[in-house]
Every structure is written in C-alpha cells, then in structure tokens.
Amino acid sequence: MNREEHLAWAKSRALYYLNEGNIDMAVISFTSDMRKHGELKRHPGIELLTMAHLGSNLNIKFARKLINDCN
C-alpha cells in the first residue's frame, strides 16, 4: 500500500472502534497500524493521540477529530 492508502486504512480501523465506543482499541489500532508503514511510523498524530489518551483528555469526539485530521 502507498502512504495514502495505508493512512486511510489505519483511520478506518480506528474509526470503527470509535463507532463502537471503544476509545482504547481505537488508539491501539491507529498507533499500531501507523507504525507498520515506513512513511507513517513517526507521524506526529500518533503522539498527539497517545498523549491525549494517557492524559485522560480524550473523548470520542476529540479522538475522531485527531484521527481524521491526520494527513
């Protein structure tokens, strides 16, 4: 997969978990999937999402925004 395809795939999997109400799995899925692609493994969106999650500042709406805003 190229970068754009991989990013779309990672987002769709994470958003699936958010739609199920599972923020933990959305973060785990997105982080894991992004790190599987050479051009995305150091994407700043990974750190932003993880820091918000660890800081307990993450709700479904904010998680969705962080994920969707990754490009």
PDB file of N, CA and C in Angstrom:
ATOM      1  N   MET A   1       0.840  -1.183   0.000  1.00  0.00           N
ATOM      2  CA  MET A   1       0.000   0.000   0.000  1.00  0.00           C
ATOM      3  C   MET A   1       0.885   1.246   0.000  1.00  0.00           C
ATOM      4  N   ASN A   2       0.428   2.259  -0.712  1.00  0.00           N
ATOM      5  CA  ASN A   2       1.159   3.515  -0.635  1.00  0.00           C
ATOM      6  C   ASN A   2       0.746   4.242   0.648  1.00  0.00           C
ATOM      7  N   ARG A   3       1.367   5.381   0.876  1.00  0.00           N
ATOM      8  CA  ARG A   3       1.147   6.122   2.105  1.00  0.00           C
ATOM      9  C   ARG A   3      -0.323   6.495   2.306  1.00  0.00           C
ATOM     10  N   GLU A   4      -0.938   7.033   1.268  1.00  0.00           N
ATOM     11  CA  GLU A   4      -2.325   7.488   1.378  1.00  0.00           C
ATOM     12  C   GLU A   4      -3.286   6.328   1.644  1.00  0.00           C
ATOM     13  N   GLU A   5      -3.061   5.207   0.973  1.00  0.00           N
ATOM     14  CA  GLU A   5      -3.908   4.028   1.177  1.00  0.00           C
ATOM     15  C   GLU A   5      -3.753   3.487   2.595  1.00  0.00           C
ATOM     16  N   HIS A   6      -2.522   3.438   3.060  1.00  0.00           N
ATOM     17  CA  HIS A   6      -2.270   2.921   4.406  1.00  0.00           C
ATOM     18  C   HIS A   6      -2.896   3.834   5.462  1.00  0.00           C
ATOM     19  N   LEU A   7      -2.757   5.134   5.265  1.00  0.00           N
ATOM     20  CA  LEU A   7      -3.343   6.093   6.199  1.00  0.00           C
ATOM     21  C   LEU A   7      -4.866   5.937   6.236  1.00  0.00           C
ATOM     22  N   ALA A   8      -5.478   5.818   5.078  1.00  0.00           N
ATOM     23  CA  ALA A   8      -6.935   5.641   5.018  1.00  0.00           C
ATOM     24  C   ALA A   8      -7.349   4.353   5.733  1.00  0.00           C
ATOM     25  N   TRP A   9      -6.573   3.289   5.552  1.00  0.00           N
ATOM     26  CA  TRP A   9      -6.857   2.007   6.195  1.00  0.00           C
ATOM     27  C   TRP A   9      -6.739   2.133   7.716  1.00  0.00           C
ATOM     28  N   ALA A  10      -5.667   2.781   8.185  1.00  0.00           N
ATOM     29  CA  ALA A  10      -5.467   2.955   9.631  1.00  0.00           C
ATOM     30  C   ALA A  10      -6.597   3.786  10.237  1.00  0.00           C
ATOM     31  N   LYS A  11      -6.984   4.841   9.544  1.00  0.00           N
ATOM     32  CA  LYS A  11      -8.080   5.678  10.028  1.00  0.00           C
ATOM     33  C   LYS A  11      -9.386   4.896  10.094  1.00  0.00           C
ATOM     34  N   SER A  12      -9.679   4.138   9.054  1.00  0.00           N
ATOM     35  CA  SER A  12     -10.962   3.415   9.020  1.00  0.00           C
ATOM     36  C   SER A  12     -11.051   2.385  10.136  1.00  0.00           C
ATOM     37  N   ARG A  13      -9.955   1.707  10.416  1.00  0.00           N
ATOM     38  CA  ARG A  13      -9.970   0.732  11.515  1.00  0.00           C
ATOM     39  C   ARG A  13     -10.163   1.420  12.864  1.00  0.00           C
ATOM     40  N   ALA A  14      -9.463   2.522  13.077  1.00  0.00           N
ATOM     41  CA  ALA A  14      -9.606   3.254  14.341  1.00  0.00           C
ATOM     42  C   ALA A  14     -11.009   3.831  14.488  1.00  0.00           C
ATOM     43  N   LEU A  15     -11.549   4.368  13.416  1.00  0.00           N
ATOM     44  CA  LEU A  15     -12.894   4.945  13.473  1.00  0.00           C
ATOM     45  C   LEU A  15     -13.957   3.877  13.712  1.00  0.00           C
ATOM     46  N   TYR A  16     -13.713   2.673  13.236  1.00  0.00           N
ATOM     47  CA  TYR A  16     -14.624   1.556  13.522  1.00  0.00           C
ATOM     48  C   TYR A  16     -14.735   1.373  15.040  1.00  0.00           C
ATOM     49  N   TYR A  17     -13.588   1.337  15.715  1.00  0.00           N
ATOM     50  CA  TYR A  17     -13.598   1.161  17.169  1.00  0.00           C
ATOM     51  C   TYR A  17     -14.261   2.343  17.874  1.00  0.00           C
ATOM     52  N   LEU A  18     -14.024   3.545  17.376  1.00  0.00           N
ATOM     53  CA  LEU A  18     -14.693   4.703  17.976  1.00  0.00           C
ATOM     54  C   LEU A  18     -16.203   4.600  17.811  1.00  0.00           C
ATOM     55  N   ASN A  19     -16.650   4.145  16.660  1.00  0.00           N
ATOM     56  CA  ASN A  19     -18.088   3.975  16.437  1.00  0.00           C
ATOM     57  C   ASN A  19     -18.689   2.946  17.382  1.00  0.00           C
ATOM     58  N   GLU A  20     -17.866   2.025  17.835  1.00  0.00           N
ATOM     59  CA  GLU A  20     -18.295   1.023  18.813  1.00  0.00           C
ATOM     60  C   GLU A  20     -18.186   1.556  20.244  1.00  0.00           C
ATOM     61  N   GLY A  21     -17.618   2.758  20.392  1.00  0.00           N
ATOM     62  CA  GLY A  21     -17.461   3.353  21.717  1.00  0.00           C
ATOM     63  C   GLY A  21     -16.206   2.932  22.449  1.00  0.00           C
ATOM     64  N   ASN A  22     -15.266   2.330  21.734  1.00  0.00           N
ATOM     65  CA  ASN A  22     -14.073   1.781  22.364  1.00  0.00           C
ATOM     66  C   ASN A  22     -12.851   2.660  22.045  1.00  0.00           C
ATOM     67  N   ILE A  23     -12.616   3.656  22.866  1.00  0.00           N
ATOM     68  CA  ILE A  23     -11.500   4.582  22.642  1.00  0.00           C
ATOM     69  C   ILE A  23     -10.157   3.866  22.780  1.00  0.00           C
ATOM     70  N   ASP A  24     -10.040   3.001  23.770  1.00  0.00           N
ATOM     71  CA  ASP A  24      -8.767   2.299  23.978  1.00  0.00           C
ATOM     72  C   ASP A  24      -8.345   1.533  22.728  1.00  0.00           C
ATOM     73  N   MET A  25      -9.247   0.762  22.161  1.00  0.00           N
ATOM     74  CA  MET A  25      -8.919  -0.020  20.969  1.00  0.00           C
ATOM     75  C   MET A  25      -8.675   0.881  19.760  1.00  0.00           C
ATOM     76  N   ALA A  26      -9.366   2.003  19.675  1.00  0.00           N
ATOM     77  CA  ALA A  26      -9.135   2.937  18.570  1.00  0.00           C
ATOM     78  C   ALA A  26      -7.701   3.463  18.618  1.00  0.00           C
ATOM     79  N   VAL A  27      -7.252   3.843  19.808  1.00  0.00           N
ATOM     80  CA  VAL A  27      -5.889   4.355  19.966  1.00  0.00           C
ATOM     81  C   VAL A  27      -4.871   3.262  19.672  1.00  0.00           C
ATOM     82  N   ILE A  28      -5.084   2.088  20.226  1.00  0.00           N
ATOM     83  CA  ILE A  28      -4.163   0.963  19.997  1.00  0.00           C
ATOM     84  C   ILE A  28      -4.098   0.618  18.519  1.00  0.00           C
ATOM     85  N   SER A  29      -5.234   0.509  17.881  1.00  0.00           N
ATOM     86  CA  SER A  29      -5.298   0.156  16.468  1.00  0.00           C
ATOM     87  C   SER A  29      -4.597   1.189  15.600  1.00  0.00           C
ATOM     88  N   PHE A  30      -4.926   2.462  15.810  1.00  0.00           N
ATOM     89  CA  PHE A  30      -4.345   3.530  15.000  1.00  0.00           C
ATOM     90  C   PHE A  30      -2.831   3.576  15.174  1.00  0.00           C
ATOM     91  N   THR A  31      -2.386   3.528  16.403  1.00  0.00           N
ATOM     92  CA  THR A  31      -0.953   3.580  16.686  1.00  0.00           C
ATOM     93  C   THR A  31      -0.223   2.402  16.044  1.00  0.00           C
ATOM     94  N   SER A  32      -0.751   1.221  16.230  1.00  0.00           N
ATOM     95  CA  SER A  32      -0.135   0.025  15.671  1.00  0.00           C
ATOM     96  C   SER A  32      -0.105   0.069  14.145  1.00  0.00           C
ATOM     97  N   ASP A  33      -1.227   0.412  13.550  1.00  0.00           N
ATOM     98  CA  ASP A  33      -1.303   0.441  12.088  1.00  0.00           C
ATOM     99  C   ASP A  33      -0.386   1.500  11.485  1.00  0.00           C
ATOM    100  N   MET A  34      -0.338   2.658  12.089  1.00  0.00           N
ATOM    101  CA  MET A  34       0.514   3.725  11.562  1.00  0.00           C
ATOM    102  C   MET A  34       1.993   3.338  11.627  1.00  0.00           C
ATOM    103  N   ARG A  35       2.372   2.646  12.664  1.00  0.00           N
ATOM    104  CA  ARG A  35       3.781   2.256  12.818  1.00  0.00           C
ATOM    105  C   ARG A  35       4.203   1.137  11.873  1.00  0.00           C
ATOM    106  N   LYS A  36       3.266   0.562  11.158  1.00  0.00           N
ATOM    107  CA  LYS A  36       3.575  -0.513  10.210  1.00  0.00           C
ATOM    108  C   LYS A  36       4.011   0.009   8.844  1.00  0.00           C
ATOM    109  N   HIS A  37       3.920   1.308   8.627  1.00  0.00           N
ATOM    110  CA  HIS A  37       4.281   1.896   7.337  1.00  0.00           C
ATOM    111  C   HIS A  37       5.474   2.821   7.528  1.00  0.00           C
ATOM    112  N   GLY A  38       6.496   2.636   6.718  1.00  0.00           N
ATOM    113  CA  GLY A  38       7.732   3.393   6.853  1.00  0.00           C
ATOM    114  C   GLY A  38       7.557   4.905   6.852  1.00  0.00           C
ATOM    115  N   GLU A  39       6.655   5.413   6.028  1.00  0.00           N
ATOM    116  CA  GLU A  39       6.456   6.863   5.945  1.00  0.00           C
ATOM    117  C   GLU A  39       5.554   7.407   7.045  1.00  0.00           C
ATOM    118  N   LEU A  40       4.867   6.546   7.753  1.00  0.00           N
ATOM    119  CA  LEU A  40       3.908   6.985   8.767  1.00  0.00           C
ATOM    120  C   LEU A  40       4.321   6.632  10.191  1.00  0.00           C
ATOM    121  N   LYS A  41       5.342   5.820  10.335  1.00  0.00           N
ATOM    122  CA  LYS A  41       5.659   5.303  11.673  1.00  0.00           C
ATOM    123  C   LYS A  41       6.084   6.377  12.666  1.00  0.00           C
ATOM    124  N   ARG A  42       6.466   7.557  12.195  1.00  0.00           N
ATOM    125  CA  ARG A  42       6.827   8.653  13.096  1.00  0.00           C
ATOM    126  C   ARG A  42       5.882   9.850  12.926  1.00  0.00           C
ATOM    127  N   HIS A  43       4.690   9.580  12.477  1.00  0.00           N
ATOM    128  CA  HIS A  43       3.702  10.640  12.248  1.00  0.00           C
ATOM    129  C   HIS A  43       3.354  11.305  13.576  1.00  0.00           C
ATOM    130  N   PRO A  44       3.330  12.650  13.623  1.00  0.00           N
ATOM    131  CA  PRO A  44       3.016  13.347  14.878  1.00  0.00           C
ATOM    132  C   PRO A  44       1.616  13.054  15.416  1.00  0.00           C
ATOM    133  N   GLY A  45       0.708  12.618  14.562  1.00  0.00           N
ATOM    134  CA  GLY A  45      -0.633  12.273  15.015  1.00  0.00           C
ATOM    135  C   GLY A  45      -0.643  11.122  16.004  1.00  0.00           C
ATOM    136  N   ILE A  46       0.318  10.224  15.874  1.00  0.00           N
ATOM    137  CA  ILE A  46       0.426   9.100  16.812  1.00  0.00           C
ATOM    138  C   ILE A  46       0.682   9.634  18.217  1.00  0.00           C
ATOM    139  N   GLU A  47       1.632  10.531  18.327  1.00  0.00           N
ATOM    140  CA  GLU A  47       1.978  11.083  19.636  1.00  0.00           C
ATOM    141  C   GLU A  47       0.845  11.937  20.202  1.00  0.00           C
ATOM    142  N   LEU A  48       0.215  12.746  19.375  1.00  0.00           N
ATOM    143  CA  LEU A  48      -0.892  13.580  19.847  1.00  0.00           C
ATOM    144  C   LEU A  48      -2.031  12.732  20.402  1.00  0.00           C
ATOM    145  N   LEU A  49      -2.404  11.703  19.665  1.00  0.00           N
ATOM    146  CA  LEU A  49      -3.490  10.822  20.093  1.00  0.00           C
ATOM    147  C   LEU A  49      -3.115  10.089  21.382  1.00  0.00           C
ATOM    148  N   THR A  50      -1.896   9.590  21.438  1.00  0.00           N
ATOM    149  CA  THR A  50      -1.437   8.852  22.615  1.00  0.00           C
ATOM    150  C   THR A  50      -1.358   9.753  23.847  1.00  0.00           C
ATOM    151  N   MET A  51      -0.823  10.951  23.670  1.00  0.00           N
ATOM    152  CA  MET A  51      -0.704  11.873  24.807  1.00  0.00           C
ATOM    153  C   MET A  51      -2.077  12.276  25.334  1.00  0.00           C
ATOM    154  N   ALA A  52      -3.008  12.545  24.447  1.00  0.00           N
ATOM    155  CA  ALA A  52      -4.366  12.898  24.880  1.00  0.00           C
ATOM    156  C   ALA A  52      -5.005  11.730  25.620  1.00  0.00           C
ATOM    157  N   HIS A  53      -4.771  10.530  25.134  1.00  0.00           N
ATOM    158  CA  HIS A  53      -5.336   9.343  25.769  1.00  0.00           C
ATOM    159  C   HIS A  53      -4.725   9.119  27.149  1.00  0.00           C
ATOM    160  N   LEU A  54      -3.419   9.209  27.234  1.00  0.00           N
ATOM    161  CA  LEU A  54      -2.750   8.993  28.519  1.00  0.00           C
ATOM    162  C   LEU A  54      -3.078  10.093  29.521  1.00  0.00           C
ATOM    163  N   GLY A  55      -3.338  11.280  29.028  1.00  0.00           N
ATOM    164  CA  GLY A  55      -3.674  12.387  29.905  1.00  0.00           C
ATOM    165  C   GLY A  55      -5.143  12.429  30.277  1.00  0.00           C
ATOM    166  N   SER A  56      -5.878  11.430  29.868  1.00  0.00           N
ATOM    167  CA  SER A  56      -7.314  11.322  30.154  1.00  0.00           C
ATOM    168  C   SER A  56      -8.113  12.502  29.597  1.00  0.00           C
ATOM    169  N   ASN A  57      -7.607  13.112  28.541  1.00  0.00           N
ATOM    170  CA  ASN A  57      -8.292  14.235  27.912  1.00  0.00           C
ATOM    171  C   ASN A  57      -9.000  13.813  26.631  1.00  0.00           C
ATOM    172  N   LEU A  58      -9.138  12.528  26.429  1.00  0.00           N
ATOM    173  CA  LEU A  58      -9.643  12.033  25.165  1.00  0.00           C
ATOM    174  C   LEU A  58     -11.064  11.509  25.302  1.00  0.00           C
ATOM    175  N   ASN A  59     -11.946  12.073  24.511  1.00  0.00           N
ATOM    176  CA  ASN A  59     -13.293  11.525  24.396  1.00  0.00           C
ATOM    177  C   ASN A  59     -13.484  11.140  22.932  1.00  0.00           C
ATOM    178  N   ILE A  60     -14.595  10.526  22.617  1.00  0.00           N
ATOM    179  CA  ILE A  60     -14.803  10.023  21.261  1.00  0.00           C
ATOM    180  C   ILE A  60     -14.762  11.142  20.226  1.00  0.00           C
ATOM    181  N   LYS A  61     -15.374  12.268  20.533  1.00  0.00           N
ATOM    182  CA  LYS A  61     -15.398  13.383  19.581  1.00  0.00           C
ATOM    183  C   LYS A  61     -13.985  13.903  19.296  1.00  0.00           C
ATOM    184  N   PHE A  62     -13.179  14.082  20.343  1.00  0.00           N
ATOM    185  CA  PHE A  62     -11.818  14.578  20.175  1.00  0.00           C
ATOM    186  C   PHE A  62     -10.941  13.539  19.483  1.00  0.00           C
ATOM    187  N   ALA A  63     -11.096  12.276  19.835  1.00  0.00           N
ATOM    188  CA  ALA A  63     -10.335  11.208  19.187  1.00  0.00           C
ATOM    189  C   ALA A  63     -10.645  11.173  17.698  1.00  0.00           C
ATOM    190  N   ARG A  64     -11.911  11.287  17.346  1.00  0.00           N
ATOM    191  CA  ARG A  64     -12.317  11.279  15.940  1.00  0.00           C
ATOM    192  C   ARG A  64     -11.665  12.447  15.195  1.00  0.00           C
ATOM    193  N   LYS A  65     -11.631  13.619  15.828  1.00  0.00           N
ATOM    194  CA  LYS A  65     -11.022  14.792  15.204  1.00  0.00           C
ATOM    195  C   LYS A  65      -9.517  14.566  14.991  1.00  0.00           C
ATOM    196  N   LEU A  66      -8.828  14.078  16.015  1.00  0.00           N
ATOM    197  CA  LEU A  66      -7.387  13.841  15.885  1.00  0.00           C
ATOM    198  C   LEU A  66      -7.085  12.845  14.775  1.00  0.00           C
ATOM    199  N   ILE A  67      -7.862  11.783  14.715  1.00  0.00           N
ATOM    200  CA  ILE A  67      -7.636  10.760  13.696  1.00  0.00           C
ATOM    201  C   ILE A  67      -7.936  11.311  12.304  1.00  0.00           C
ATOM    202  N   ASN A  68      -9.077  11.940  12.154  1.00  0.00           N
ATOM    203  CA  ASN A  68      -9.472  12.465  10.845  1.00  0.00           C
ATOM    204  C   ASN A  68      -8.549  13.572  10.352  1.00  0.00           C
ATOM    205  N   ASP A  69      -7.945  14.324  11.272  1.00  0.00           N
ATOM    206  CA  ASP A  69      -7.067  15.426  10.880  1.00  0.00           C
ATOM    207  C   ASP A  69      -5.678  14.969  10.427  1.00  0.00           C
ATOM    208  N   CYS A  70      -5.350  13.712  10.648  1.00  0.00           N
ATOM    209  CA  CYS A  70      -4.038  13.213  10.200  1.00  0.00           C
ATOM    210  C   CYS A  70      -4.010  13.175   8.681  1.00  0.00           C
ATOM    211  N   ASN A  71      -2.909  13.659   8.138  1.00  0.00           N
ATOM    212  CA  ASN A  71      -2.753  13.610   6.681  1.00  0.00           C
ATOM    213  C   ASN A  71      -1.339  13.267   6.295  1.00  0.00           C
TER     214      ASN A  71
END
